[in-house]
Protein backbone atom coordinates (compact mmCIF):
# COMPACT_ATOMS: atom_id res chain seq x y z
CA MET A 1 -31.35 114.56 -10.39
CA PRO A 2 -30.95 113.48 -13.98
CA LEU A 3 -27.73 112.18 -15.47
CA GLU A 4 -29.20 113.53 -18.68
CA PHE A 5 -31.32 116.58 -19.40
CA GLU A 6 -32.63 118.69 -22.26
CA ILE A 7 -30.19 121.57 -22.74
CA ALA A 8 -32.22 122.99 -25.62
CA PRO A 9 -35.55 122.00 -27.17
CA GLY A 10 -35.08 118.53 -28.64
CA ARG A 11 -31.38 118.28 -27.65
CA MET A 12 -30.51 116.02 -24.74
CA ILE A 13 -27.08 115.82 -23.13
CA GLY A 14 -25.51 113.23 -20.86
CA GLU A 15 -25.83 109.44 -20.77
CA ASN A 16 -25.41 108.09 -24.31
CA HIS A 17 -26.38 111.28 -26.13
CA PRO A 18 -23.85 112.91 -28.48
CA CYS A 19 -21.35 115.30 -26.95
CA PHE A 20 -22.72 118.85 -26.99
CA PHE A 21 -20.18 121.15 -28.63
CA ILE A 22 -20.05 124.85 -27.75
CA ALA A 23 -18.02 127.02 -30.14
CA GLU A 24 -16.92 129.90 -27.92
CA ILE A 25 -16.66 133.08 -29.98
CA GLY A 26 -16.36 135.16 -26.83
CA GLN A 27 -15.00 138.52 -27.92
CA ASN A 28 -12.90 137.21 -30.80
CA HIS A 29 -15.27 139.07 -33.13
CA GLN A 30 -13.12 142.22 -32.71
CA GLY A 31 -16.23 144.29 -31.96
CA ASP A 32 -17.55 143.77 -35.51
CA ILE A 33 -21.01 142.24 -35.85
CA ASN A 34 -20.30 141.08 -39.39
CA ILE A 35 -17.28 139.12 -38.17
CA ALA A 36 -19.48 137.74 -35.40
CA LYS A 37 -22.00 136.48 -37.95
CA GLN A 38 -19.22 134.98 -40.02
CA MET A 39 -18.01 133.12 -36.94
CA ILE A 40 -21.50 131.84 -36.18
CA GLN A 41 -21.59 130.47 -39.72
CA VAL A 42 -18.16 128.85 -39.22
CA ALA A 43 -19.46 127.15 -36.08
CA LYS A 44 -22.52 125.90 -37.91
CA ASP A 45 -20.52 124.63 -40.90
CA ALA A 46 -18.11 122.76 -38.60
CA GLY A 47 -20.96 120.91 -36.88
CA ALA A 48 -21.03 122.74 -33.55
CA ASP A 49 -24.27 122.64 -31.55
CA CYS A 50 -24.00 126.18 -30.21
CA ALA A 51 -22.18 129.44 -30.91
CA LYS A 52 -21.47 131.32 -27.69
CA PHE A 53 -20.51 134.88 -26.77
CA GLN A 54 -19.72 136.78 -23.56
CA LYS A 55 -22.24 139.41 -22.46
CA SER A 56 -21.47 142.05 -19.85
CA GLU A 57 -23.28 145.04 -18.45
CA LEU A 58 -20.00 146.79 -17.77
CA LYS A 59 -21.07 149.03 -14.89
CA HIS A 60 -22.43 145.98 -13.08
CA LYS A 61 -19.39 143.81 -13.76
CA PHE A 62 -16.66 146.36 -12.92
CA ASN A 63 -16.35 149.16 -10.39
CA LYS A 64 -15.40 152.66 -11.54
CA ALA A 65 -11.73 152.26 -10.69
CA ALA A 66 -11.44 149.04 -12.69
CA LEU A 67 -13.05 150.67 -15.72
CA ALA A 68 -10.80 153.75 -15.42
CA ARG A 69 -7.47 151.97 -15.09
CA PRO A 70 -5.06 152.46 -17.99
CA TYR A 71 -4.84 149.51 -20.35
CA ASN A 72 -1.52 149.62 -22.13
CA SER A 73 -1.39 146.37 -24.04
CA PRO A 74 -0.87 145.29 -27.65
CA HIS A 75 -4.36 143.80 -27.35
CA SER A 76 -6.03 147.00 -26.16
CA TRP A 77 -8.95 148.56 -28.04
CA GLY A 78 -8.92 151.69 -25.88
CA PRO A 79 -6.71 153.69 -23.49
CA THR A 80 -8.61 152.50 -20.40
CA TYR A 81 -9.90 149.03 -19.58
CA GLY A 82 -13.46 150.34 -19.66
CA GLU A 83 -13.06 151.80 -23.15
CA HIS A 84 -11.40 148.57 -24.28
CA LYS A 85 -14.32 146.49 -23.01
CA GLU A 86 -16.90 148.92 -24.37
CA TYR A 87 -15.40 148.61 -27.86
CA LEU A 88 -15.87 144.83 -27.77
CA GLU A 89 -19.34 144.83 -26.22
CA PHE A 90 -22.40 144.31 -28.42
CA SER A 91 -25.63 146.14 -27.60
CA HIS A 92 -28.91 144.42 -26.77
CA ASP A 93 -30.19 145.10 -30.27
CA GLN A 94 -27.04 143.62 -31.78
CA TYR A 95 -27.51 140.48 -29.68
CA ARG A 96 -31.06 140.21 -30.94
CA GLU A 97 -29.70 140.49 -34.46
CA LEU A 98 -27.12 137.79 -33.80
CA LYS A 99 -29.71 135.45 -32.30
CA ALA A 100 -32.01 135.96 -35.28
CA PHE A 101 -29.11 135.14 -37.60
CA ALA A 102 -28.22 131.99 -35.64
CA ASP A 103 -31.87 130.91 -35.67
CA SER A 104 -32.05 131.45 -39.42
CA ILE A 105 -29.13 129.09 -40.14
CA GLY A 106 -30.09 126.48 -37.56
CA ILE A 107 -27.57 126.78 -34.73
CA LEU A 108 -28.15 127.57 -31.07
CA LEU A 109 -26.84 130.84 -29.64
CA SER A 110 -26.00 131.50 -26.02
CA ALA A 111 -23.59 133.60 -23.98
CA SER A 112 -21.84 133.71 -20.66
CA GLY A 113 -23.63 136.32 -18.61
CA MET A 114 -20.71 138.06 -16.91
CA ASP A 115 -22.90 139.72 -14.25
CA GLU A 116 -26.45 139.37 -12.98
CA LYS A 117 -27.83 142.15 -15.18
CA ALA A 118 -26.36 140.43 -18.22
CA VAL A 119 -28.06 137.18 -17.17
CA ASP A 120 -31.36 139.07 -16.92
CA PHE A 121 -30.92 140.23 -20.51
CA LEU A 122 -29.95 136.77 -21.76
CA ASP A 123 -33.03 135.35 -20.09
CA GLU A 124 -35.13 137.94 -21.91
CA LEU A 125 -33.30 137.12 -25.15
CA GLY A 126 -34.35 133.48 -24.78
CA VAL A 127 -31.02 131.68 -24.77
CA PRO A 128 -31.45 127.90 -24.37
CA PHE A 129 -29.07 127.69 -21.41
CA PHE A 130 -26.91 129.88 -19.21
CA LYS A 131 -23.15 129.47 -19.31
CA VAL A 132 -21.42 130.33 -16.04
CA ALA A 133 -17.89 131.55 -16.67
CA SER A 134 -15.19 130.39 -14.28
CA CYS A 135 -14.84 133.88 -12.81
CA ASP A 136 -18.42 133.68 -11.51
CA THR A 137 -18.47 130.06 -10.34
CA ASN A 138 -17.71 131.02 -6.73
CA ASN A 139 -20.06 134.03 -6.90
CA MET A 140 -22.78 132.40 -4.83
CA PRO A 141 -25.42 135.14 -5.12
CA TYR A 142 -24.97 135.02 -8.92
CA ILE A 143 -25.12 131.20 -8.93
CA GLU A 144 -28.32 131.21 -6.89
CA SER A 145 -30.12 133.90 -8.88
CA THR A 146 -29.14 132.29 -12.19
CA ALA A 147 -30.31 128.85 -11.03
CA ARG A 148 -33.66 130.28 -9.96
CA LYS A 149 -34.40 131.41 -13.52
CA GLY A 150 -34.90 127.72 -14.35
CA ARG A 151 -32.91 127.45 -17.55
CA PRO A 152 -30.24 124.73 -17.88
CA MET A 153 -26.79 125.76 -16.67
CA VAL A 154 -23.30 124.89 -17.93
CA ILE A 155 -20.80 125.74 -15.19
CA SER A 156 -17.06 126.05 -15.78
CA SER A 157 -14.69 125.40 -12.89
CA GLY A 158 -11.45 127.27 -13.62
CA MET A 159 -9.71 128.84 -10.61
CA GLN A 160 -11.87 126.82 -8.17
CA THR A 161 -11.24 124.12 -5.56
CA MET A 162 -13.16 120.87 -5.17
CA GLU A 163 -14.69 122.23 -1.96
CA THR A 164 -16.03 125.24 -3.85
CA MET A 165 -17.39 122.96 -6.58
CA ARG A 166 -19.21 120.92 -3.92
CA GLN A 167 -20.79 124.13 -2.65
CA VAL A 168 -21.81 125.10 -6.17
CA TYR A 169 -23.23 121.63 -6.83
CA ASN A 170 -25.26 121.63 -3.61
CA LYS A 171 -26.55 125.17 -4.17
CA VAL A 172 -27.66 124.58 -7.76
CA LYS A 173 -28.99 121.09 -7.01
CA SER A 174 -31.34 122.48 -4.39
CA ILE A 175 -32.89 124.82 -6.97
CA ASN A 176 -32.42 123.52 -10.52
CA ASP A 177 -31.65 119.94 -11.54
CA LYS A 178 -30.63 120.78 -15.12
CA PHE A 179 -26.94 121.59 -14.93
CA CYS A 180 -23.51 120.23 -15.70
CA ILE A 181 -19.96 121.02 -14.59
CA LEU A 182 -16.98 121.45 -16.91
CA GLN A 183 -13.36 120.80 -15.93
CA CYS A 184 -11.43 123.93 -16.86
CA THR A 185 -8.09 125.61 -16.17
CA SER A 186 -8.15 129.36 -16.72
CA ALA A 187 -4.91 130.02 -18.62
CA TYR A 188 -4.58 131.16 -22.24
CA PRO A 189 -3.06 129.27 -23.97
CA LEU A 190 -2.97 126.30 -21.62
CA ASP A 191 0.03 123.99 -21.34
CA PRO A 192 -0.72 120.24 -21.29
CA GLU A 193 0.64 119.72 -17.76
CA ASP A 194 -1.86 122.29 -16.46
CA VAL A 195 -4.95 120.65 -18.01
CA HIS A 196 -5.52 117.92 -15.38
CA LEU A 197 -7.99 115.77 -17.29
CA ASN A 198 -8.10 113.40 -14.31
CA ILE A 199 -10.37 115.94 -12.61
CA ILE A 200 -13.05 114.74 -15.04
CA LYS A 201 -12.93 111.34 -13.33
CA GLU A 202 -13.01 112.98 -9.91
CA TYR A 203 -16.05 115.03 -10.88
CA GLN A 204 -17.74 111.88 -12.19
CA LYS A 205 -17.23 110.30 -8.76
CA GLU A 206 -18.15 113.40 -6.75
CA PHE A 207 -21.21 114.29 -8.83
CA PRO A 208 -22.41 111.00 -10.36
CA ASP A 209 -25.91 112.26 -11.15
CA ILE A 210 -24.99 115.14 -13.50
CA PRO A 211 -23.16 115.25 -16.84
CA ILE A 212 -19.51 116.29 -16.69
CA GLY A 213 -17.74 118.12 -19.51
CA TYR A 214 -14.59 119.97 -20.50
CA SER A 215 -13.76 123.57 -21.40
CA GLY A 216 -10.32 123.77 -22.99
CA HIS A 217 -7.88 126.57 -23.71
CA GLU A 218 -5.01 124.45 -24.99
CA ARG A 219 -3.50 124.44 -28.44
CA GLY A 220 -4.61 121.72 -30.83
CA ASN A 221 -7.21 118.98 -30.57
CA ALA A 222 -5.58 115.99 -28.88
CA ILE A 223 -6.43 116.92 -25.28
CA THR A 224 -10.06 117.68 -26.03
CA LEU A 225 -10.43 114.37 -27.87
CA ALA A 226 -8.98 112.62 -24.80
CA ALA A 227 -11.55 114.41 -22.62
CA VAL A 228 -14.36 113.06 -24.77
CA GLY A 229 -12.86 109.58 -24.50
CA MET A 230 -12.97 110.01 -20.71
CA GLY A 231 -16.67 110.78 -20.84
CA ALA A 232 -16.98 114.54 -21.31
CA LYS A 233 -20.58 115.14 -22.40
CA VAL A 234 -20.20 118.87 -23.11
CA VAL A 235 -17.15 120.42 -24.77
CA GLU A 236 -16.36 124.11 -25.12
CA ARG A 237 -13.49 125.49 -27.21
CA HIS A 238 -12.70 129.06 -28.28
CA ILE A 239 -12.75 129.73 -32.01
CA THR A 240 -11.18 132.43 -34.20
CA LEU A 241 -10.88 133.32 -37.85
CA ASP A 242 -7.18 134.08 -37.40
CA LYS A 243 -4.90 133.19 -34.46
CA THR A 244 -2.67 136.21 -35.22
CA TRP A 245 -5.43 138.77 -34.68
CA LYS A 246 -5.31 141.32 -31.88
CA GLY A 247 -6.81 139.94 -28.66
CA ASN A 248 -5.79 137.73 -25.74
CA ASP A 249 -7.88 134.69 -26.68
CA HIS A 250 -6.99 134.18 -30.34
CA GLU A 251 -3.80 132.20 -29.69
CA ALA A 252 -5.72 129.66 -27.59
CA SER A 253 -8.53 129.38 -30.17
CA LEU A 254 -9.26 127.05 -33.08
CA GLU A 255 -9.33 128.27 -36.65
CA PRO A 256 -12.14 126.95 -38.89
CA ALA A 257 -10.29 123.91 -40.27
CA GLU A 258 -9.14 122.89 -36.76
CA LEU A 259 -12.66 123.29 -35.41
CA LYS A 260 -14.14 121.06 -38.09
CA GLU A 261 -11.41 118.47 -37.59
CA LEU A 262 -12.05 118.43 -33.83
CA ILE A 263 -15.82 118.00 -34.11
CA ASN A 264 -15.39 115.27 -36.72
CA GLY A 265 -12.94 113.56 -34.38
CA ILE A 266 -15.42 113.72 -31.51
CA ARG A 267 -18.08 112.07 -33.64
CA VAL A 268 -15.63 109.31 -34.61
CA ILE A 269 -14.82 108.71 -30.93
CA GLU A 270 -18.54 108.48 -30.13
CA ARG A 271 -18.98 105.83 -32.81
CA ALA A 272 -15.94 103.99 -31.49
CA MET A 273 -17.13 103.92 -27.85
CA GLY A 274 -19.74 101.32 -28.78
CA SER A 275 -21.14 98.76 -26.38
CA THR A 276 -20.16 97.75 -22.86
CA VAL A 277 -20.91 94.10 -23.78
CA LYS A 278 -17.83 92.17 -24.89
CA ASP A 279 -18.69 89.68 -27.61
CA MET A 280 -17.51 88.56 -31.02
CA ARG A 281 -18.69 91.15 -33.54
CA ALA A 282 -20.15 90.52 -36.97
CA CYS A 283 -17.22 92.41 -38.51
CA GLU A 284 -14.83 89.86 -36.96
CA MET A 285 -16.42 86.77 -38.49
CA SER A 286 -14.35 86.73 -41.67
CA THR A 287 -11.13 86.97 -39.64
CA PHE A 288 -12.38 84.31 -37.25
CA LYS A 289 -13.19 81.95 -40.11
CA LYS A 290 -9.68 82.42 -41.51
CA LEU A 291 -7.58 82.52 -38.32
CA GLY A 292 -9.73 81.18 -35.49
CA LYS A 293 -8.23 78.08 -33.86
CA SER A 294 -9.69 74.74 -32.78
CA VAL A 295 -8.70 71.70 -30.72
CA VAL A 296 -7.00 68.99 -32.79
CA ALA A 297 -5.54 65.59 -31.93
CA ALA A 298 -1.82 65.70 -31.12
CA CYS A 299 -1.68 61.94 -31.77
CA ASP A 300 -4.01 59.11 -32.79
CA ILE A 301 -6.58 58.79 -30.01
CA PRO A 302 -8.54 55.54 -29.72
CA ALA A 303 -12.15 55.64 -28.60
CA ASP A 304 -12.74 55.26 -24.85
CA THR A 305 -9.23 56.54 -24.02
CA PRO A 306 -9.09 59.05 -21.15
CA LEU A 307 -7.86 62.33 -22.63
CA THR A 308 -4.68 64.01 -21.37
CA ALA A 309 -3.28 67.45 -22.18
CA GLU A 310 -0.49 65.79 -24.23
CA MET A 311 -3.08 64.28 -26.57
CA LEU A 312 -4.46 67.69 -27.54
CA ALA A 313 -3.17 70.67 -29.54
CA VAL A 314 -4.62 73.97 -30.77
CA LYS A 315 -4.31 74.94 -34.44
CA VAL A 316 -6.06 76.75 -37.26
CA ALA A 317 -7.95 73.76 -38.60
CA GLU A 318 -10.42 72.60 -41.17
CA PRO A 319 -13.15 71.88 -40.43
CA ARG A 320 -13.65 74.15 -37.43
CA GLY A 321 -13.68 72.09 -34.28
CA PHE A 322 -13.96 72.22 -30.52
CA PRO A 323 -13.27 75.75 -29.16
CA PRO A 324 -9.84 76.05 -27.49
CA GLU A 325 -11.17 78.13 -24.58
CA ARG A 326 -12.97 74.92 -23.47
CA ILE A 327 -10.01 72.54 -23.96
CA TYR A 328 -9.67 71.78 -20.25
CA GLU A 329 -13.22 70.41 -20.19
CA LEU A 330 -11.91 67.48 -22.24
CA ILE A 331 -9.13 66.40 -19.86
CA GLY A 332 -9.89 63.06 -18.20
CA ARG A 333 -12.92 62.37 -20.33
CA LYS A 334 -13.39 59.79 -23.08
CA LEU A 335 -14.34 60.18 -26.73
CA ASN A 336 -17.20 58.24 -28.22
CA LYS A 337 -15.17 57.62 -31.42
CA SER A 338 -11.50 57.44 -32.32
CA VAL A 339 -9.75 60.51 -33.72
CA GLU A 340 -6.73 60.49 -36.04
CA PHE A 341 -3.59 62.62 -35.54
CA ASP A 342 -4.02 66.31 -36.51
CA ARG A 343 -7.73 65.85 -37.02
CA SER A 344 -10.34 68.35 -35.97
CA GLU A 345 -14.02 67.60 -36.01
CA GLU A 346 -16.72 70.06 -36.80
CA ARG A 347 -18.49 70.88 -33.61
CA ARG A 348 -22.09 69.77 -33.72
CA VAL A 349 -24.70 70.53 -31.13
CA GLY A 350 -27.76 68.45 -30.36
CA LYS A 351 -28.73 65.04 -29.07
CA GLU A 352 -28.95 63.39 -32.47
CA CYS A 353 -25.60 64.52 -33.92
CA ARG A 354 -22.55 64.18 -31.67
CA SER A 355 -19.04 64.70 -33.09
CA ARG A 356 -16.04 62.58 -32.18
CA TRP A 357 -15.05 65.35 -29.76
CA SER A 358 -18.31 64.97 -27.84
CA PRO A 359 -17.10 63.30 -24.64
CA TYR A 360 -18.85 60.68 -22.58
CA HIS A 361 -20.00 61.89 -19.17
């Protein structure tokens, strides 16, 4: 299986590719397609890779009793839960309109298919990848049928155990090698002590051949930035135009300025991750020339005198001399020329030009 894969045409994730950012609109559009388009534009302007919704075929997601139950909440859009959900649900034609809009401004559009019929529609719509919401991660028939469609999968892991995630990994792996798993805790908003970023490291050990990411519901940006620093290759955060709006998810969502700040911060972290090779960098040379230290004589040292530690000191010196990390190579050896107190000698390399610090063998 690949540690990297193409999540959308021309966009790789995993390995050293940029973190893939999903701006989760969900149902924060208040049932208004114009607000939904505005939010897609916000995601694009902030630098997100994808704007994402939640698509349900309500009669396939809920049974009759669940749809008929009274929904008395300040966040309700209808007297029953079914009417509430129906108010927030876009039609197939509206989704086609939203996808056309996203295509026209140059941002990917996808959705969590909240039931198998919804996944069928999203497949027909041509989304680049399927997002599996945490509530369906242990729904094995759903996981299998979605994997068999062959599109990449982004799988959240809220409300699950590691054993369940192993089952999900093994099931999807046997069918479709283009998937990743996101650490997630399903609470809105999420308190820091309930985030458990260390699960990212556990997933990286358990599933070393797939990208691991993070889906966050916390307030602010710090925790998500830490997740990226730990190696999250996909990040999902809910977005809103106004945290005070009616709806359960707004409080745990990012407003436009926060979203832009977060994505900019992720890109800074990616630049800062750099190389795994430790070496002196070009940007350090001016500091090294000013403050880098060399071996100097702690006393006058005649030629052919065996060197002891007491004869040597380390100072910022002109000219630059023998490197102090190699000082112990000089102990017990003899110099080919005398050196005066406090003197450093420019280190020269080559058979024809030996400095006073070049010892006899």
